[in-house]
Amino acid sequence: MTATEYRVAHLVERLAEGHPATLGIRVETRGETVLVSGTVPSAECRDDILGIVHETLPGVPVHGDLVVADTTAPDHAEELP
């Protein structure tokens, strides 16, 4: 296991200890780059997670693919054909 893989394992543990929204986050190594993907409830949560990633993996290239779920109520009723 490489040093980056150990650091990624530490990151996954750190994320699991945090907010429940981080439970669906996937962290994978792709060569020298780390891919962080998943769905989060808010832009603030996304920014917090990416902050933790960059703090835990300084100097490691990170590709963040975190989607913010739209949790607002619909503004109109759905019309079925």
Protein backbone atom coordinates (compact mmCIF):
# COMPACT_ATOMS: atom_id res chain seq x y z
CA MET A 1 0.00 0.00 0.00
CA THR A 2 1.37 3.42 -0.94
CA ALA A 3 1.57 6.46 1.31
CA THR A 4 -1.30 8.07 -0.60
CA GLU A 5 -3.48 5.00 -0.07
CA TYR A 6 -2.81 5.17 3.69
CA ARG A 7 -3.73 8.85 3.69
CA VAL A 8 -6.91 8.08 1.73
CA ALA A 9 -7.84 5.37 4.27
CA HIS A 10 -7.36 7.95 7.06
CA LEU A 11 -9.56 10.39 5.10
CA VAL A 12 -12.34 7.81 4.75
CA GLU A 13 -12.24 7.16 8.52
CA ARG A 14 -12.31 10.89 9.22
CA LEU A 15 -15.30 11.43 6.92
CA ALA A 16 -17.16 8.49 8.50
CA GLU A 17 -16.80 10.11 11.94
CA GLY A 18 -18.37 13.36 10.73
CA HIS A 19 -21.76 14.40 9.44
CA PRO A 20 -24.15 11.60 8.36
CA ALA A 21 -24.21 13.15 4.87
CA THR A 22 -20.65 11.93 4.37
CA LEU A 23 -21.68 8.28 4.58
CA GLY A 24 -22.54 8.14 0.88
CA ILE A 25 -19.26 9.69 -0.22
CA ARG A 26 -16.86 7.51 -2.19
CA VAL A 27 -13.12 8.14 -2.16
CA GLU A 28 -11.00 6.32 -4.73
CA THR A 29 -7.41 6.57 -5.89
CA ARG A 30 -6.94 6.86 -9.62
CA GLY A 31 -3.20 6.75 -10.19
CA GLU A 32 -1.82 9.80 -8.41
CA THR A 33 -5.24 11.51 -8.28
CA VAL A 34 -7.95 11.01 -5.67
CA LEU A 35 -11.59 11.00 -6.81
CA VAL A 36 -14.20 12.12 -4.30
CA SER A 37 -17.76 11.47 -5.50
CA GLY A 38 -21.29 11.17 -4.20
CA THR A 39 -24.38 13.21 -3.37
CA VAL A 40 -24.60 15.74 -0.54
CA PRO A 41 -27.56 17.72 0.82
CA SER A 42 -26.12 21.21 0.39
CA ALA A 43 -23.37 23.30 -1.16
CA GLU A 44 -22.10 24.06 2.36
CA CYS A 45 -21.76 20.34 3.07
CA ARG A 46 -19.90 19.87 -0.25
CA ASP A 47 -17.51 22.68 0.62
CA ASP A 48 -16.94 21.27 4.12
CA ILE A 49 -16.15 17.81 2.73
CA LEU A 50 -13.76 19.17 0.12
CA GLY A 51 -12.08 21.25 2.84
CA ILE A 52 -11.50 18.11 4.90
CA VAL A 53 -10.18 16.31 1.81
CA HIS A 54 -7.67 19.04 0.99
CA GLU A 55 -6.64 19.34 4.66
CA THR A 56 -6.08 15.58 4.95
CA LEU A 57 -4.40 15.16 1.55
CA PRO A 58 -2.20 18.25 1.07
CA GLY A 59 -0.30 18.16 -2.20
CA VAL A 60 -2.39 15.32 -3.64
CA PRO A 61 -4.37 16.12 -6.80
CA VAL A 62 -8.09 15.79 -6.00
CA HIS A 63 -11.02 15.60 -8.40
CA GLY A 64 -14.25 16.48 -6.60
CA ASP A 65 -17.44 15.12 -8.17
CA LEU A 66 -19.93 15.88 -5.42
CA VAL A 67 -23.50 16.52 -6.54
CA VAL A 68 -25.77 18.73 -4.45
CA ALA A 69 -29.23 17.16 -4.10
CA ASP A 70 -32.15 19.51 -4.55
CA THR A 71 -34.15 19.08 -1.36
CA THR A 72 -36.56 21.98 -1.85
CA ALA A 73 -40.26 21.31 -2.15
CA PRO A 74 -41.66 21.39 -5.69
CA ASP A 75 -43.26 24.69 -6.69
CA HIS A 76 -46.06 22.99 -8.67
CA ALA A 77 -47.94 19.70 -8.87
CA GLU A 78 -46.64 17.05 -11.22
CA GLU A 79 -48.89 16.62 -14.26
CA LEU A 80 -49.13 13.13 -15.68
CA PRO A 81 -50.24 12.56 -19.29
